[in-house]
PDB file of N, CA and C in Angstrom:
ATOM      1  N   UNK A   1      62.526  84.766 105.091  1.00  0.00           N
ATOM      2  CA  UNK A   1      63.396  86.213 105.883  1.00  0.00           C
ATOM      3  C   UNK A   1      62.815  86.588 106.694  1.00  0.00           C
ATOM      4  N   UNK A   2      63.160  86.249 108.083  1.00  0.00           N
ATOM      5  CA  UNK A   2      62.770  86.868 109.305  1.00  0.00           C
ATOM      6  C   UNK A   2      62.885  88.117 109.723  1.00  0.00           C
ATOM      7  N   UNK A   3      62.060  88.526 110.334  1.00  0.00           N
ATOM      8  CA  UNK A   3      62.240  90.131 111.123  1.00  0.00           C
ATOM      9  C   UNK A   3      62.464  90.123 112.230  1.00  0.00           C
ATOM     10  N   UNK A   4      63.902  91.010 112.670  1.00  0.00           N
ATOM     11  CA  UNK A   4      64.116  90.726 114.035  1.00  0.00           C
ATOM     12  C   UNK A   4      63.747  92.213 114.796  1.00  0.00           C
ATOM     13  N   UNK A   5      63.657  93.230 114.199  1.00  0.00           N
ATOM     14  CA  UNK A   5      63.041  94.474 114.836  1.00  0.00           C
ATOM     15  C   UNK A   5      63.489  95.242 113.619  1.00  0.00           C
ATOM     16  N   UNK A   6      63.099  96.856 113.803  1.00  0.00           N
ATOM     17  CA  UNK A   6      63.161  97.725 112.711  1.00  0.00           C
ATOM     18  C   UNK A   6      64.509  97.597 111.767  1.00  0.00           C
ATOM     19  N   UNK A   7      64.077  97.345 110.704  1.00  0.00           N
ATOM     20  CA  UNK A   7      65.266  97.415 109.730  1.00  0.00           C
ATOM     21  C   UNK A   7      66.356  96.326 109.886  1.00  0.00           C
ATOM     22  N   UNK A   8      66.135  95.386 110.600  1.00  0.00           N
ATOM     23  CA  UNK A   8      66.767  94.119 110.838  1.00  0.00           C
ATOM     24  C   UNK A   8      66.157  93.225 110.681  1.00  0.00           C
ATOM     25  N   UNK A   9      67.075  92.139 109.603  1.00  0.00           N
ATOM     26  CA  UNK A   9      66.084  90.907 108.747  1.00  0.00           C
ATOM     27  C   UNK A   9      67.249  89.970 108.852  1.00  0.00           C
ATOM     28  N   UNK A  10      66.774  88.328 108.670  1.00  0.00           N
ATOM     29  CA  UNK A  10      68.078  87.376 108.320  1.00  0.00           C
ATOM     30  C   UNK A  10      67.184  86.673 107.162  1.00  0.00           C
ATOM     31  N   UNK A  11      68.097  86.517 106.271  1.00  0.00           N
ATOM     32  CA  UNK A  11      67.702  86.049 105.125  1.00  0.00           C
ATOM     33  C   UNK A  11      67.782  84.523 105.379  1.00  0.00           C
ATOM     34  N   UNK A  12      67.585  83.686 104.310  1.00  0.00           N
ATOM     35  CA  UNK A  12      67.391  82.181 104.457  1.00  0.00           C
ATOM     36  C   UNK A  12      68.770  81.904 104.873  1.00  0.00           C
ATOM     37  N   UNK A  13      69.955  82.037 104.624  1.00  0.00           N
ATOM     38  CA  UNK A  13      70.859  81.735 104.826  1.00  0.00           C
ATOM     39  C   UNK A  13      71.575  82.083 106.212  1.00  0.00           C
ATOM     40  N   UNK A  14      70.879  82.767 106.958  1.00  0.00           N
ATOM     41  CA  UNK A  14      71.055  83.325 108.266  1.00  0.00           C
ATOM     42  C   UNK A  14      72.171  84.688 108.497  1.00  0.00           C
ATOM     43  N   UNK A  15      72.396  85.118 107.535  1.00  0.00           N
ATOM     44  CA  UNK A  15      73.135  86.295 107.405  1.00  0.00           C
ATOM     45  C   UNK A  15      72.076  87.661 107.445  1.00  0.00           C
ATOM     46  N   UNK A  16      72.371  88.583 108.312  1.00  0.00           N
ATOM     47  CA  UNK A  16      71.779  89.418 108.652  1.00  0.00           C
ATOM     48  C   UNK A  16      71.915  90.636 107.473  1.00  0.00           C
ATOM     49  N   UNK A  17      71.010  91.488 107.382  1.00  0.00           N
ATOM     50  CA  UNK A  17      71.271  92.777 106.646  1.00  0.00           C
ATOM     51  C   UNK A  17      71.687  93.632 107.096  1.00  0.00           C
ATOM     52  N   UNK A  18      72.529  93.833 108.311  1.00  0.00           N
ATOM     53  CA  UNK A  18      72.792  94.647 109.099  1.00  0.00           C
ATOM     54  C   UNK A  18      74.320  95.218 108.462  1.00  0.00           C
ATOM     55  N   UNK A  19      75.478  93.991 107.864  1.00  0.00           N
ATOM     56  CA  UNK A  19      76.248  94.496 107.216  1.00  0.00           C
ATOM     57  C   UNK A  19      75.996  95.202 106.228  1.00  0.00           C
ATOM     58  N   UNK A  20      74.921  95.092 105.346  1.00  0.00           N
ATOM     59  CA  UNK A  20      74.619  95.416 104.219  1.00  0.00           C
ATOM     60  C   UNK A  20      74.156  97.060 104.377  1.00  0.00           C
ATOM     61  N   UNK A  21      73.603  97.538 105.531  1.00  0.00           N
ATOM     62  CA  UNK A  21      72.913  98.469 106.139  1.00  0.00           C
ATOM     63  C   UNK A  21      74.208  99.389 106.401  1.00  0.00           C
ATOM     64  N   UNK A  22      75.261  98.663 107.071  1.00  0.00           N
ATOM     65  CA  UNK A  22      76.347  99.348 107.574  1.00  0.00           C
ATOM     66  C   UNK A  22      77.009 100.024 106.488  1.00  0.00           C
ATOM     67  N   UNK A  23      77.257  99.222 105.426  1.00  0.00           N
ATOM     68  CA  UNK A  23      77.917  99.399 104.162  1.00  0.00           C
ATOM     69  C   UNK A  23      77.466 100.645 103.617  1.00  0.00           C
ATOM     70  N   UNK A  24      76.169 100.738 103.417  1.00  0.00           N
ATOM     71  CA  UNK A  24      74.981 101.483 102.517  1.00  0.00           C
ATOM     72  C   UNK A  24      75.424 102.743 103.583  1.00  0.00           C
ATOM     73  N   UNK A  25      75.445 103.097 104.740  1.00  0.00           N
ATOM     74  CA  UNK A  25      75.504 103.837 105.640  1.00  0.00           C
ATOM     75  C   UNK A  25      77.057 104.629 105.399  1.00  0.00           C
ATOM     76  N   UNK A  26      78.273 103.766 105.456  1.00  0.00           N
ATOM     77  CA  UNK A  26      79.454 104.263 105.255  1.00  0.00           C
ATOM     78  C   UNK A  26      79.362 104.839 104.170  1.00  0.00           C
ATOM     79  N   UNK A  27      79.145 104.293 102.936  1.00  0.00           N
ATOM     80  CA  UNK A  27      78.862 104.831 101.594  1.00  0.00           C
ATOM     81  C   UNK A  27      78.624 106.254 101.527  1.00  0.00           C
ATOM     82  N   UNK A  28      77.178 106.688 102.364  1.00  0.00           N
ATOM     83  CA  UNK A  28      76.815 107.738 102.198  1.00  0.00           C
ATOM     84  C   UNK A  28      77.727 108.796 102.896  1.00  0.00           C
ATOM     85  N   UNK A  29      78.260 108.345 103.857  1.00  0.00           N
ATOM     86  CA  UNK A  29      79.629 109.247 104.945  1.00  0.00           C
ATOM     87  C   UNK A  29      80.406 109.536 104.006  1.00  0.00           C
ATOM     88  N   UNK A  30      80.987 108.609 102.872  1.00  0.00           N
ATOM     89  CA  UNK A  30      82.149 108.634 101.846  1.00  0.00           C
ATOM     90  C   UNK A  30      81.461 109.679 100.900  1.00  0.00           C
ATOM     91  N   UNK A  31      80.426 109.712 100.700  1.00  0.00           N
ATOM     92  CA  UNK A  31      79.796 110.732  99.551  1.00  0.00           C
ATOM     93  C   UNK A  31      79.549 112.038 100.194  1.00  0.00           C
ATOM     94  N   UNK A  32      79.028 112.188 101.303  1.00  0.00           N
ATOM     95  CA  UNK A  32      79.019 113.210 102.138  1.00  0.00           C
ATOM     96  C   UNK A  32      80.376 114.141 102.462  1.00  0.00           C
ATOM     97  N   UNK A  33      81.098 113.350 102.491  1.00  0.00           N
ATOM     98  CA  UNK A  33      82.630 113.752 102.887  1.00  0.00           C
ATOM     99  C   UNK A  33      83.110 114.271 101.288  1.00  0.00           C
ATOM    100  N   UNK A  34      82.642 113.330 100.728  1.00  0.00           N
ATOM    101  CA  UNK A  34      83.227 114.223  98.892  1.00  0.00           C
ATOM    102  C   UNK A  34      82.660 115.580  98.588  1.00  0.00           C
ATOM    103  N   UNK A  35      81.136 115.370  98.638  1.00  0.00           N
ATOM    104  CA  UNK A  35      80.535 116.577  98.417  1.00  0.00           C
ATOM    105  C   UNK A  35      81.035 118.079  99.428  1.00  0.00           C
ATOM    106  N   UNK A  36      81.163 117.507 100.852  1.00  0.00           N
ATOM    107  CA  UNK A  36      81.311 118.585 101.986  1.00  0.00           C
ATOM    108  C   UNK A  36      82.871 118.729 102.256  1.00  0.00           C
ATOM    109  N   UNK A  37      83.687 118.100 102.097  1.00  0.00           N
ATOM    110  CA  UNK A  37      85.103 118.224 102.607  1.00  0.00           C
ATOM    111  C   UNK A  37      85.346 117.708 103.795  1.00  0.00           C
ATOM    112  N   UNK A  38      84.332 117.324 104.691  1.00  0.00           N
ATOM    113  CA  UNK A  38      84.334 116.766 105.872  1.00  0.00           C
ATOM    114  C   UNK A  38      84.112 115.350 106.154  1.00  0.00           C
ATOM    115  N   UNK A  39      85.009 114.524 106.470  1.00  0.00           N
ATOM    116  CA  UNK A  39      85.083 113.065 106.648  1.00  0.00           C
ATOM    117  C   UNK A  39      84.638 112.969 108.227  1.00  0.00           C
ATOM    118  N   UNK A  40      83.203 112.250 108.374  1.00  0.00           N
ATOM    119  CA  UNK A  40      82.644 111.869 109.903  1.00  0.00           C
ATOM    120  C   UNK A  40      82.590 110.816 109.714  1.00  0.00           C
ATOM    121  N   UNK A  41      83.867 110.265 110.567  1.00  0.00           N
ATOM    122  CA  UNK A  41      83.820 108.713 111.127  1.00  0.00           C
ATOM    123  C   UNK A  41      83.974 108.426 112.235  1.00  0.00           C
ATOM    124  N   UNK A  42      83.437 109.191 113.222  1.00  0.00           N
ATOM    125  CA  UNK A  42      83.505 109.255 114.658  1.00  0.00           C
ATOM    126  C   UNK A  42      82.234 108.174 115.038  1.00  0.00           C
ATOM    127  N   UNK A  43      82.953 107.358 116.056  1.00  0.00           N
ATOM    128  CA  UNK A  43      82.235 106.664 117.123  1.00  0.00           C
ATOM    129  C   UNK A  43      82.089 104.942 115.929  1.00  0.00           C
ATOM    130  N   UNK A  44      82.437 104.540 114.858  1.00  0.00           N
ATOM    131  CA  UNK A  44      81.851 103.921 114.307  1.00  0.00           C
ATOM    132  C   UNK A  44      82.773 102.379 114.682  1.00  0.00           C
ATOM    133  N   UNK A  45      83.514 102.362 115.588  1.00  0.00           N
ATOM    134  CA  UNK A  45      83.912 101.560 116.264  1.00  0.00           C
ATOM    135  C   UNK A  45      85.220 100.690 114.565  1.00  0.00           C
ATOM    136  N   UNK A  46      85.575 101.681 114.355  1.00  0.00           N
ATOM    137  CA  UNK A  46      86.722 101.214 113.096  1.00  0.00           C
ATOM    138  C   UNK A  46      87.915 100.880 113.320  1.00  0.00           C
ATOM    139  N   UNK A  47      88.336  99.322 112.805  1.00  0.00           N
ATOM    140  CA  UNK A  47      89.896  98.860 113.176  1.00  0.00           C
ATOM    141  C   UNK A  47      90.670  99.372 111.862  1.00  0.00           C
ATOM    142  N   UNK A  48      89.890  99.546 110.792  1.00  0.00           N
ATOM    143  CA  UNK A  48      90.926  99.997 109.466  1.00  0.00           C
ATOM    144  C   UNK A  48      89.862 101.042 109.011  1.00  0.00           C
ATOM    145  N   UNK A  49      90.828 102.214 108.232  1.00  0.00           N
ATOM    146  CA  UNK A  49      90.153 103.070 107.442  1.00  0.00           C
ATOM    147  C   UNK A  49      89.527 102.484 106.167  1.00  0.00           C
ATOM    148  N   UNK A  50      87.950 102.958 106.287  1.00  0.00           N
ATOM    149  CA  UNK A  50      87.753 102.560 104.592  1.00  0.00           C
ATOM    150  C   UNK A  50      88.137 102.889 103.553  1.00  0.00           C
ATOM    151  N   UNK A  51      88.068 102.216 102.396  1.00  0.00           N
ATOM    152  CA  UNK A  51      88.787 102.132 101.441  1.00  0.00           C
ATOM    153  C   UNK A  51      87.701 103.082 100.303  1.00  0.00           C
ATOM    154  N   UNK A  52      87.821 104.221  99.827  1.00  0.00           N
ATOM    155  CA  UNK A  52      86.586 104.930  99.294  1.00  0.00           C
ATOM    156  C   UNK A  52      86.890 104.649  97.688  1.00  0.00           C
ATOM    157  N   UNK A  53      85.645 103.907  97.318  1.00  0.00           N
ATOM    158  CA  UNK A  53      86.166 103.437  95.966  1.00  0.00           C
ATOM    159  C   UNK A  53      86.018 104.388  94.798  1.00  0.00           C
ATOM    160  N   UNK A  54      84.421 104.820  95.062  1.00  0.00           N
ATOM    161  CA  UNK A  54      83.913 105.607  94.102  1.00  0.00           C
ATOM    162  C   UNK A  54      84.331 107.333  94.294  1.00  0.00           C
ATOM    163  N   UNK A  55      84.648 107.475  95.518  1.00  0.00           N
ATOM    164  CA  UNK A  55      85.006 108.734  95.839  1.00  0.00           C
ATOM    165  C   UNK A  55      86.398 109.275  95.732  1.00  0.00           C
ATOM    166  N   UNK A  56      86.565 110.491  95.551  1.00  0.00           N
ATOM    167  CA  UNK A  56      87.705 110.859  95.446  1.00  0.00           C
ATOM    168  C   UNK A  56      88.028 111.897  96.770  1.00  0.00           C
ATOM    169  N   UNK A  57      88.777 111.500  98.058  1.00  0.00           N
ATOM    170  CA  UNK A  57      88.360 112.483  99.552  1.00  0.00           C
ATOM    171  C   UNK A  57      89.512 113.578  99.613  1.00  0.00           C
ATOM    172  N   UNK A  58      90.498 113.201  98.245  1.00  0.00           N
ATOM    173  CA  UNK A  58      91.755 113.783  98.621  1.00  0.00           C
ATOM    174  C   UNK A  58      91.591 115.698  98.763  1.00  0.00           C
ATOM    175  N   UNK A  59      90.743 115.966  98.486  1.00  0.00           N
ATOM    176  CA  UNK A  59      90.127 117.623  99.051  1.00  0.00           C
ATOM    177  C   UNK A  59      89.903 117.931 100.408  1.00  0.00           C
ATOM    178  N   UNK A  60      89.597 116.727 101.262  1.00  0.00           N
ATOM    179  CA  UNK A  60      89.095 116.740 102.571  1.00  0.00           C
ATOM    180  C   UNK A  60      89.934 117.712 103.640  1.00  0.00           C
ATOM    181  N   UNK A  61      89.023 118.731 104.122  1.00  0.00           N
ATOM    182  CA  UNK A  61      89.528 119.663 105.021  1.00  0.00           C
ATOM    183  C   UNK A  61      89.382 119.113 106.747  1.00  0.00           C
ATOM    184  N   UNK A  62      88.444 118.607 106.850  1.00  0.00           N
ATOM    185  CA  UNK A  62      88.412 117.835 108.127  1.00  0.00           C
ATOM    186  C   UNK A  62      87.983 116.271 108.098  1.00  0.00           C
ATOM    187  N   UNK A  63      88.740 115.689 109.207  1.00  0.00           N
ATOM    188  CA  UNK A  63      88.452 114.578 109.178  1.00  0.00           C
ATOM    189  C   UNK A  63      88.395 114.031 110.758  1.00  0.00           C
ATOM    190  N   UNK A  64      87.044 113.494 110.670  1.00  0.00           N
ATOM    191  CA  UNK A  64      86.836 113.632 112.558  1.00  0.00           C
ATOM    192  C   UNK A  64      87.101 111.474 112.616  1.00  0.00           C
ATOM    193  N   UNK A  65      88.159 111.283 113.090  1.00  0.00           N
ATOM    194  CA  UNK A  65      88.278 109.445 112.904  1.00  0.00           C
ATOM    195  C   UNK A  65      88.134 109.243 114.580  1.00  0.00           C
ATOM    196  N   UNK A  66      87.781 110.350 115.492  1.00  0.00           N
ATOM    197  CA  UNK A  66      87.643 110.404 116.843  1.00  0.00           C
ATOM    198  C   UNK A  66      86.667 108.702 117.158  1.00  0.00           C
ATOM    199  N   UNK A  67      86.546 108.742 118.447  1.00  0.00           N
ATOM    200  CA  UNK A  67      85.947 107.341 118.964  1.00  0.00           C
ATOM    201  C   UNK A  67      86.155 105.963 118.257  1.00  0.00           C
ATOM    202  N   UNK A  68      87.086 105.729 117.632  1.00  0.00           N
ATOM    203  CA  UNK A  68      86.952 104.154 116.956  1.00  0.00           C
ATOM    204  C   UNK A  68      88.249 103.468 117.457  1.00  0.00           C
ATOM    205  N   UNK A  69      88.712 102.489 116.706  1.00  0.00           N
ATOM    206  CA  UNK A  69      89.641 101.674 117.142  1.00  0.00           C
ATOM    207  C   UNK A  69      90.950 101.378 116.601  1.00  0.00           C
ATOM    208  N   UNK A  70      91.482 102.482 116.242  1.00  0.00           N
ATOM    209  CA  UNK A  70      92.394 102.743 115.194  1.00  0.00           C
ATOM    210  C   UNK A  70      93.558 102.698 116.106  1.00  0.00           C
ATOM    211  N   UNK A  71      94.486 101.649 115.520  1.00  0.00           N
ATOM    212  CA  UNK A  71      96.085 101.470 116.558  1.00  0.00           C
ATOM    213  C   UNK A  71      97.097 102.519 115.744  1.00  0.00           C
ATOM    214  N   UNK A  72      97.100 102.783 114.631  1.00  0.00           N
ATOM    215  CA  UNK A  72      97.612 103.688 113.575  1.00  0.00           C
ATOM    216  C   UNK A  72      96.996 104.821 112.921  1.00  0.00           C
ATOM    217  N   UNK A  73      97.616 105.613 112.870  1.00  0.00           N
ATOM    218  CA  UNK A  73      97.000 106.689 112.070  1.00  0.00           C
ATOM    219  C   UNK A  73      96.613 106.281 110.681  1.00  0.00           C
ATOM    220  N   UNK A  74      95.853 106.465 110.166  1.00  0.00           N
ATOM    221  CA  UNK A  74      95.441 105.817 108.965  1.00  0.00           C
ATOM    222  C   UNK A  74      96.361 106.611 107.953  1.00  0.00           C
ATOM    223  N   UNK A  75      97.129 106.115 106.781  1.00  0.00           N
ATOM    224  CA  UNK A  75      98.145 106.484 106.027  1.00  0.00           C
ATOM    225  C   UNK A  75      97.319 107.400 105.075  1.00  0.00           C
ATOM    226  N   UNK A  76      95.886 106.805 104.709  1.00  0.00           N
ATOM    227  CA  UNK A  76      95.417 107.360 103.567  1.00  0.00           C
ATOM    228  C   UNK A  76      95.233 109.187 104.178  1.00  0.00           C
ATOM    229  N   UNK A  77      95.088 109.350 105.367  1.00  0.00           N
ATOM    230  CA  UNK A  77      94.785 110.818 105.236  1.00  0.00           C
ATOM    231  C   UNK A  77      95.648 111.592 105.569  1.00  0.00           C
ATOM    232  N   UNK A  78      97.094 111.138 105.218  1.00  0.00           N
ATOM    233  CA  UNK A  78      98.404 111.955 105.061  1.00  0.00           C
ATOM    234  C   UNK A  78      98.407 112.427 103.520  1.00  0.00           C
ATOM    235  N   UNK A  79      97.494 111.672 102.639  1.00  0.00           N
ATOM    236  CA  UNK A  79      97.352 111.943 101.188  1.00  0.00           C
ATOM    237  C   UNK A  79      96.291 113.385 101.011  1.00  0.00           C
ATOM    238  N   UNK A  80      95.740 113.786 102.173  1.00  0.00           N
ATOM    239  CA  UNK A  80      94.743 114.651 101.831  1.00  0.00           C
ATOM    240  C   UNK A  80      95.468 116.242 102.131  1.00  0.00           C
ATOM    241  N   UNK A  81      95.906 116.689 100.969  1.00  0.00           N
ATOM    242  CA  UNK A  81      96.998 117.849 101.050  1.00  0.00           C
ATOM    243  C   UNK A  81      96.187 118.763 101.881  1.00  0.00           C
ATOM    244  N   UNK A  82      94.601 119.001 101.760  1.00  0.00           N
ATOM    245  CA  UNK A  82      94.266 120.122 102.288  1.00  0.00           C
ATOM    246  C   UNK A  82      93.733 119.971 103.449  1.00  0.00           C
ATOM    247  N   UNK A  83      93.941 118.871 104.331  1.00  0.00           N
ATOM    248  CA  UNK A  83      93.725 118.742 105.786  1.00  0.00           C
ATOM    249  C   UNK A  83      93.877 120.061 106.619  1.00  0.00           C
ATOM    250  N   UNK A  84      93.094 120.289 107.196  1.00  0.00           N
ATOM    251  CA  UNK A  84      93.430 121.373 108.088  1.00  0.00           C
ATOM    252  C   UNK A  84      92.974 120.932 109.707  1.00  0.00           C
ATOM    253  N   UNK A  85      92.128 120.102 109.706  1.00  0.00           N
ATOM    254  CA  UNK A  85      91.830 119.934 111.278  1.00  0.00           C
ATOM    255  C   UNK A  85      91.567 118.147 111.077  1.00  0.00           C
ATOM    256  N   UNK A  86      92.406 117.282 111.985  1.00  0.00           N
ATOM    257  CA  UNK A  86      92.362 115.830 112.147  1.00  0.00           C
ATOM    258  C   UNK A  86      91.990 115.429 113.778  1.00  0.00           C
ATOM    259  N   UNK A  87      91.358 114.839 113.757  1.00  0.00           N
ATOM    260  CA  UNK A  87      90.606 114.475 114.921  1.00  0.00           C
ATOM    261  C   UNK A  87      90.930 112.852 115.337  1.00  0.00           C
ATOM    262  N   UNK A  88      91.578 112.340 116.091  1.00  0.00           N
ATOM    263  CA  UNK A  88      92.028 110.881 116.457  1.00  0.00           C
ATOM    264  C   UNK A  88      92.038 110.556 117.782  1.00  0.00           C
ATOM    265  N   UNK A  89      90.871 111.461 118.647  1.00  0.00           N
ATOM    266  CA  UNK A  89      91.164 111.183 120.212  1.00  0.00           C
ATOM    267  C   UNK A  89      90.105 110.067 120.326  1.00  0.00           C
ATOM    268  N   UNK A  90      90.486 109.076 121.260  1.00  0.00           N
ATOM    269  CA  UNK A  90      89.539 108.097 121.518  1.00  0.00           C
ATOM    270  C   UNK A  90      89.702 106.786 121.095  1.00  0.00           C
ATOM    271  N   UNK A  91      90.831 106.810 120.286  1.00  0.00           N
ATOM    272  CA  UNK A  91      91.305 105.538 119.769  1.00  0.00           C
ATOM    273  C   UNK A  91      92.558 104.970 120.282  1.00  0.00           C
ATOM    274  N   UNK A  92      93.484 104.277 119.924  1.00  0.00           N
ATOM    275  CA  UNK A  92      94.582 103.440 120.307  1.00  0.00           C
ATOM    276  C   UNK A  92      95.615 103.555 119.617  1.00  0.00           C
ATOM    277  N   UNK A  93      95.958 104.935 119.291  1.00  0.00           N
ATOM    278  CA  UNK A  93      97.033 105.170 118.310  1.00  0.00           C
ATOM    279  C   UNK A  93      98.307 104.772 118.682  1.00  0.00           C
ATOM    280  N   UNK A  94      99.236 104.152 118.225  1.00  0.00           N
ATOM    281  CA  UNK A  94     100.538 103.443 118.573  1.00  0.00           C
ATOM    282  C   UNK A  94     101.501 104.203 117.781  1.00  0.00           C
ATOM    283  N   UNK A  95     101.334 104.551 116.795  1.00  0.00           N
ATOM    284  CA  UNK A  95     102.224 105.149 115.707  1.00  0.00           C
ATOM    285  C   UNK A  95     101.560 105.941 114.861  1.00  0.00           C
ATOM    286  N   UNK A  96     102.506 106.784 114.245  1.00  0.00           N
ATOM    287  CA  UNK A  96     101.911 107.797 113.378  1.00  0.00           C
ATOM    288  C   UNK A  96     102.968 108.036 112.182  1.00  0.00           C
ATOM    289  N   UNK A  97     102.617 107.522 111.024  1.00  0.00           N
ATOM    290  CA  UNK A  97     103.470 107.938 109.748  1.00  0.00           C
ATOM    291  C   UNK A  97     104.494 109.143 109.494  1.00  0.00           C
ATOM    292  N   UNK A  98     105.305 108.803 109.155  1.00  0.00           N
ATOM    293  CA  UNK A  98     106.258 110.044 108.814  1.00  0.00           C
ATOM    294  C   UNK A  98     105.750 110.954 107.792  1.00  0.00           C
ATOM    295  N   UNK A  99     104.852 110.391 107.244  1.00  0.00           N
ATOM    296  CA  UNK A  99     104.038 111.185 105.949  1.00  0.00           C
ATOM    297  C   UNK A  99     103.313 112.302 106.352  1.00  0.00           C
ATOM    298  N   UNK A 100     102.740 112.444 107.669  1.00  0.00           N
ATOM    299  CA  UNK A 100     102.121 113.347 108.342  1.00  0.00           C
ATOM    300  C   UNK A 100     102.800 114.600 108.149  1.00  0.00           C
ATOM    301  N   UNK A 101     104.079 114.809 108.197  1.00  0.00           N
ATOM    302  CA  UNK A 101     104.970 115.902 107.879  1.00  0.00           C
ATOM    303  C   UNK A 101     104.510 116.581 106.690  1.00  0.00           C
ATOM    304  N   UNK A 102     103.758 115.799 106.013  1.00  0.00           N
ATOM    305  CA  UNK A 102     103.490 116.629 104.476  1.00  0.00           C
ATOM    306  C   UNK A 102     101.914 117.244 104.482  1.00  0.00           C
ATOM    307  N   UNK A 103     101.541 117.068 105.507  1.00  0.00           N
ATOM    308  CA  UNK A 103     100.193 117.839 105.992  1.00  0.00           C
ATOM    309  C   UNK A 103     100.509 119.080 106.046  1.00  0.00           C
ATOM    310  N   UNK A 104     100.834 120.118 105.237  1.00  0.00           N
ATOM    311  CA  UNK A 104     101.116 121.377 105.352  1.00  0.00           C
ATOM    312  C   UNK A 104      99.985 122.496 105.531  1.00  0.00           C
ATOM    313  N   UNK A 105      98.928 122.025 105.436  1.00  0.00           N
ATOM    314  CA  UNK A 105      97.601 122.877 106.019  1.00  0.00           C
ATOM    315  C   UNK A 105      97.076 122.630 107.121  1.00  0.00           C
ATOM    316  N   UNK A 106      97.695 121.396 107.874  1.00  0.00           N
ATOM    317  CA  UNK A 106      97.281 120.895 108.961  1.00  0.00           C
ATOM    318  C   UNK A 106      97.602 122.117 110.453  1.00  0.00           C
ATOM    319  N   UNK A 107      96.266 122.306 110.948  1.00  0.00           N
ATOM    320  CA  UNK A 107      96.544 123.370 111.845  1.00  0.00           C
ATOM    321  C   UNK A 107      96.109 122.912 113.185  1.00  0.00           C
ATOM    322  N   UNK A 108      95.551 121.782 113.346  1.00  0.00           N
ATOM    323  CA  UNK A 108      94.708 121.044 114.557  1.00  0.00           C
ATOM    324  C   UNK A 108      94.758 119.586 114.513  1.00  0.00           C
ATOM    325  N   UNK A 109      95.713 118.775 115.319  1.00  0.00           N
ATOM    326  CA  UNK A 109      95.519 117.348 115.366  1.00  0.00           C
ATOM    327  C   UNK A 109      95.239 117.188 116.883  1.00  0.00           C
ATOM    328  N   UNK A 110      94.179 116.179 116.937  1.00  0.00           N
ATOM    329  CA  UNK A 110      93.983 115.785 118.270  1.00  0.00           C
ATOM    330  C   UNK A 110      94.118 114.344 118.440  1.00  0.00           C
ATOM    331  N   UNK A 111      95.073 113.887 119.246  1.00  0.00           N
ATOM    332  CA  UNK A 111      95.238 112.638 119.585  1.00  0.00           C
ATOM    333  C   UNK A 111      95.146 112.186 120.969  1.00  0.00           C
ATOM    334  N   UNK A 112      94.406 113.157 121.546  1.00  0.00           N
ATOM    335  CA  UNK A 112      93.870 112.371 123.247  1.00  0.00           C
ATOM    336  C   UNK A 112      93.802 110.749 122.835  1.00  0.00           C
TER     337      UNK A 112
END
C-alpha cells in the first residue's frame, strides 16, 4: 500500500481508499440527518440522491441539497412529509415531480 497524502492511500490493486472515505462520510451525514432532522448534502457533487439503507429520513425537516449536480428534484425528498425547507440552488434542475405537491409542511423552496 502506498500513501499519497493525509488520509489517502492506494492498495495493491490500484484502487484508492478515497471512495471508502467518501462512503463513510456520506454514511455519517445520513446518520446525522436521522438524529437531527436536517439533511446536509450541500457541495458534494452528487448526481443521484443517496439511498439511505440504515436510516429512515422520513422525519427530515430541512434538506440542503444545494451545490450539487442534480438534474431532477430527487423523488425521495417528496416522501419527507415534515419537510419545511428544501434547498436545491446551484443544481441543474430541469424537472420537478408532481409529488412535490404532497409536501404540505414545505414553507421554503430554493431552486435558484
